[in-house]
């Protein structure tokens, strides 16, 4: 029989999936998390009690096991889950790649991006996340499709940029046939992505189309630029 709290937890999951942690208050984040270690009870009181005792979500994640189990409803099992999340976030931060790569010009970006697509036989979309001064912070493959299309969710780009705290991004996808000439769909997709990201205060610097060793910077070729420099490069 489904638990009495299943529908509420499903709603919390859907809120998270739709907007990430930005849409969840600290106690709601803990409420969702504790649902995985306390399957058949209302976790809202525990979540509120944790925030009351430790002040912030960070305070909860930094707490020791004995401190956590002193909160009513928190067992050692739940304490391990909370501490694991804290330790994972710290490990993630320590392992963040420190690239000494800057996308200050089209050539800079192309020299890094083209090798990513070598031996790629189907269309793929890659996202390159940049700091304010155009340093490469992270890059991810966000979609791989068939040879004729590369459908992906703009939401995936936005969420990855938020997770890496990147105010600027470059996207790139390949044409396995070898021609980097953008199609009408490529152009429409570029403007749609740029507008969507702008509404979230993220700037799309460029959309590269790669064909073999050749490439087309869609925005530069469409809107013009100065000596191959990106408009936002500092």
Protein backbone atom coordinates (compact mmCIF):
# COMPACT_ATOMS: atom_id res chain seq x y z
CA UNK A 1 0.00 0.00 0.00
CA UNK A 2 1.34 3.40 -0.89
CA UNK A 3 2.43 5.50 2.08
CA UNK A 4 0.29 8.43 3.17
CA UNK A 5 3.11 10.85 2.33
CA UNK A 6 3.92 9.48 -1.14
CA UNK A 7 1.97 12.14 -3.07
CA UNK A 8 3.58 14.97 -1.10
CA UNK A 9 7.04 13.55 -1.71
CA UNK A 10 6.32 13.17 -5.38
CA UNK A 11 5.36 16.84 -5.54
CA UNK A 12 8.65 17.76 -3.86
CA UNK A 13 10.56 15.64 -6.38
CA UNK A 14 8.73 17.32 -9.25
CA UNK A 15 9.56 20.78 -7.86
CA UNK A 16 13.21 19.79 -7.67
CA UNK A 17 13.25 18.32 -11.17
CA UNK A 18 11.59 21.42 -12.60
CA UNK A 19 13.83 24.03 -11.00
CA UNK A 20 16.58 22.40 -8.96
CA UNK A 21 17.42 23.57 -5.46
CA UNK A 22 16.73 27.18 -6.39
CA UNK A 23 13.02 26.49 -5.99
CA UNK A 24 13.34 24.71 -2.63
CA UNK A 25 13.67 26.37 0.76
CA UNK A 26 16.38 24.87 3.02
CA UNK A 27 13.92 22.94 5.16
CA UNK A 28 12.15 21.62 2.05
CA UNK A 29 15.49 20.43 0.65
CA UNK A 30 16.09 18.50 3.87
CA UNK A 31 12.53 17.20 3.84
CA UNK A 32 13.08 15.75 0.37
CA UNK A 33 16.47 14.31 1.33
CA UNK A 34 15.20 12.67 4.50
CA UNK A 35 12.45 10.96 2.52
CA UNK A 36 15.13 8.54 1.31
CA UNK A 37 16.09 7.47 4.82
CA UNK A 38 12.70 7.85 6.53
CA UNK A 39 10.29 6.27 4.03
CA UNK A 40 7.05 6.09 5.98
CA UNK A 41 6.95 9.21 8.16
CA UNK A 42 6.41 12.91 7.66
CA UNK A 43 9.93 14.36 7.44
CA UNK A 44 8.82 18.00 7.65
CA UNK A 45 9.13 18.24 11.47
CA UNK A 46 12.63 16.73 11.36
CA UNK A 47 13.68 19.15 8.61
CA UNK A 48 12.43 22.16 10.59
CA UNK A 49 14.11 20.87 13.75
CA UNK A 50 17.45 20.52 11.96
CA UNK A 51 17.31 24.06 10.61
CA UNK A 52 16.30 25.39 14.04
CA UNK A 53 19.23 23.64 15.74
CA UNK A 54 21.97 24.30 13.16
CA UNK A 55 20.73 27.57 11.65
CA UNK A 56 21.36 26.93 7.96
CA UNK A 57 21.48 24.10 5.46
CA UNK A 58 25.27 24.37 5.51
CA UNK A 59 25.21 24.08 9.28
CA UNK A 60 23.21 20.86 8.99
CA UNK A 61 25.59 19.37 6.42
CA UNK A 62 28.59 20.32 8.58
CA UNK A 63 27.18 18.76 11.75
CA UNK A 64 28.63 15.62 13.32
CA UNK A 65 26.77 12.36 13.77
CA UNK A 66 26.20 12.80 17.51
CA UNK A 67 24.83 16.30 16.97
CA UNK A 68 22.49 15.10 14.23
CA UNK A 69 21.05 12.14 16.16
CA UNK A 70 20.32 14.46 19.09
CA UNK A 71 17.52 15.91 16.93
CA UNK A 72 14.22 14.12 17.45
CA UNK A 73 13.47 11.75 14.58
CA UNK A 74 17.03 11.63 13.20
CA UNK A 75 18.50 8.15 13.46
CA UNK A 76 22.07 7.14 12.72
CA UNK A 77 20.84 6.00 9.31
CA UNK A 78 19.58 9.51 8.49
CA UNK A 79 22.68 11.11 10.01
CA UNK A 80 24.91 9.08 7.69
CA UNK A 81 22.89 10.25 4.67
CA UNK A 82 23.17 13.90 5.73
CA UNK A 83 26.90 13.67 6.43
CA UNK A 84 27.46 11.84 3.15
CA UNK A 85 25.81 14.72 1.26
CA UNK A 86 28.05 17.22 3.03
CA UNK A 87 31.18 15.20 2.37
CA UNK A 88 30.22 14.69 -1.28
CA UNK A 89 29.75 18.44 -1.80
CA UNK A 90 33.17 19.14 -0.29
CA UNK A 91 34.82 16.43 -2.40
CA UNK A 92 33.10 17.80 -5.50
CA UNK A 93 34.43 21.29 -4.79
CA UNK A 94 37.97 19.97 -4.29
CA UNK A 95 37.87 18.03 -7.54
CA UNK A 96 36.59 20.92 -9.66
CA UNK A 97 38.86 20.99 -12.71
CA UNK A 98 41.15 24.00 -12.89
CA UNK A 99 41.60 24.55 -16.60
CA UNK A 100 44.20 27.06 -17.71
CA UNK A 101 42.16 27.70 -20.83
CA UNK A 102 40.55 30.97 -21.87
CA UNK A 103 38.00 31.46 -24.66
CA UNK A 104 38.96 35.07 -25.40
CA UNK A 105 38.88 34.68 -29.17
CA UNK A 106 37.09 32.46 -31.64
CA UNK A 107 40.40 30.77 -32.42
CA UNK A 108 41.05 30.04 -28.72
CA UNK A 109 37.69 28.35 -28.42
CA UNK A 110 37.90 26.45 -31.72
CA UNK A 111 41.32 25.00 -30.91
CA UNK A 112 39.89 23.49 -27.73
CA UNK A 113 36.49 22.47 -29.11
CA UNK A 114 37.39 20.77 -32.41
CA UNK A 115 39.32 17.87 -30.82
CA UNK A 116 36.31 17.13 -28.60
CA UNK A 117 34.40 16.01 -31.70
CA UNK A 118 37.09 13.88 -33.32
CA UNK A 119 35.86 10.32 -33.95
CA UNK A 120 32.31 11.42 -33.11
CA UNK A 121 30.08 9.60 -35.62
CA UNK A 122 26.71 10.97 -34.51
CA UNK A 123 25.58 14.45 -33.68
CA UNK A 124 26.38 15.58 -30.16
CA UNK A 125 25.95 18.80 -28.25
CA UNK A 126 28.61 19.99 -25.83
CA UNK A 127 28.38 22.82 -23.33
CA UNK A 128 31.44 24.84 -22.31
CA UNK A 129 30.96 26.79 -19.07
CA UNK A 130 32.95 29.98 -18.60
CA UNK A 131 33.78 32.40 -15.81
CA UNK A 132 33.25 36.13 -16.15
CA UNK A 133 36.76 36.55 -17.61
CA UNK A 134 36.19 33.73 -20.12
CA UNK A 135 38.15 31.03 -18.29
CA UNK A 136 36.90 27.51 -19.00
CA UNK A 137 35.39 26.12 -15.82
CA UNK A 138 33.82 22.89 -17.04
CA UNK A 139 32.53 21.19 -20.17
CA UNK A 140 29.90 18.52 -20.55
CA UNK A 141 28.23 16.51 -23.29
CA UNK A 142 24.56 17.32 -22.85
CA UNK A 143 23.10 15.38 -25.76
CA UNK A 144 23.99 12.70 -28.26
CA UNK A 145 21.59 11.94 -31.08
CA UNK A 146 21.43 10.44 -34.53
CA UNK A 147 23.26 11.77 -37.60
CA UNK A 148 20.40 14.04 -38.64
CA UNK A 149 19.30 15.76 -35.48
CA UNK A 150 20.42 16.84 -32.04
CA UNK A 151 17.42 17.46 -29.86
CA UNK A 152 18.14 18.56 -26.34
CA UNK A 153 16.53 20.55 -23.56
CA UNK A 154 17.61 24.14 -23.08
CA UNK A 155 16.89 23.50 -19.41
CA UNK A 156 19.89 21.13 -19.32
CA UNK A 157 22.15 23.98 -20.42
CA UNK A 158 20.73 26.36 -17.82
CA UNK A 159 20.97 23.83 -14.99
CA UNK A 160 24.59 22.96 -15.83
CA UNK A 161 25.56 26.64 -15.97
CA UNK A 162 23.95 27.21 -12.57
CA UNK A 163 25.65 24.16 -11.05
CA UNK A 164 29.06 25.36 -12.20
CA UNK A 165 28.33 28.99 -11.28
CA UNK A 166 29.05 30.08 -14.84
CA UNK A 167 27.69 33.42 -16.10
CA UNK A 168 28.77 32.71 -19.68
CA UNK A 169 28.63 29.63 -21.90
CA UNK A 170 29.59 28.42 -25.34
CA UNK A 171 27.73 25.57 -27.01
CA UNK A 172 28.93 23.44 -29.89
CA UNK A 173 27.54 20.62 -31.96
CA UNK A 174 28.88 18.69 -34.90
CA UNK A 175 27.72 17.83 -38.40
CA UNK A 176 29.05 14.31 -38.97
CA UNK A 177 28.77 14.78 -42.74
CA UNK A 178 31.64 17.25 -42.56
CA UNK A 179 30.01 20.55 -43.53
CA UNK A 180 29.85 23.16 -40.74
CA UNK A 181 27.32 25.31 -42.59
CA UNK A 182 24.41 26.09 -40.22
CA UNK A 183 20.92 25.08 -41.22
CA UNK A 184 17.84 27.18 -40.63
CA UNK A 185 17.10 25.01 -37.61
CA UNK A 186 20.61 25.63 -36.27
CA UNK A 187 20.05 29.38 -36.51
CA UNK A 188 16.61 29.26 -34.90
CA UNK A 189 17.96 27.07 -32.09
CA UNK A 190 20.83 29.48 -31.45
CA UNK A 191 18.53 32.46 -30.91
CA UNK A 192 16.10 30.42 -28.85
CA UNK A 193 18.89 29.23 -26.55
CA UNK A 194 20.37 32.71 -26.27
CA UNK A 195 17.03 34.27 -25.30
CA UNK A 196 16.28 31.55 -22.78
CA UNK A 197 19.69 31.82 -21.13
CA UNK A 198 19.50 35.62 -21.07
CA UNK A 199 16.28 35.39 -19.07
CA UNK A 200 18.34 33.54 -16.44
CA UNK A 201 21.22 36.06 -16.56
CA UNK A 202 23.48 33.65 -18.48
CA UNK A 203 25.14 34.84 -21.67
CA UNK A 204 25.51 32.63 -24.71
CA UNK A 205 28.86 33.76 -26.13
CA UNK A 206 28.85 31.56 -29.22
CA UNK A 207 27.40 28.49 -30.90
CA UNK A 208 29.99 26.55 -32.86
CA UNK A 209 29.11 24.08 -35.58
CA UNK A 210 31.95 21.66 -36.21
CA UNK A 211 32.47 19.65 -39.38
CA UNK A 212 35.72 17.69 -39.37
CA UNK A 213 38.50 20.22 -38.79
CA UNK A 214 36.31 23.11 -39.94
CA UNK A 215 33.90 25.16 -37.91
CA UNK A 216 31.39 27.98 -38.08
CA UNK A 217 30.81 30.41 -35.17
CA UNK A 218 27.13 31.06 -35.76
CA UNK A 219 26.72 34.28 -33.77
CA UNK A 220 29.89 35.92 -35.10
CA UNK A 221 29.07 35.03 -38.69
CA UNK A 222 25.50 36.24 -38.34
CA UNK A 223 26.01 39.42 -36.33
CA UNK A 224 29.62 40.28 -37.13
CA UNK A 225 32.54 40.89 -34.83
CA UNK A 226 35.98 42.40 -34.49
CA UNK A 227 39.01 40.32 -35.56
CA UNK A 228 37.45 37.10 -34.36
CA UNK A 229 37.05 38.35 -30.80
CA UNK A 230 34.02 37.56 -28.73
CA UNK A 231 31.89 40.56 -27.87
CA UNK A 232 32.07 39.78 -24.13
CA UNK A 233 35.75 38.86 -23.92
CA UNK A 234 37.66 40.96 -21.41
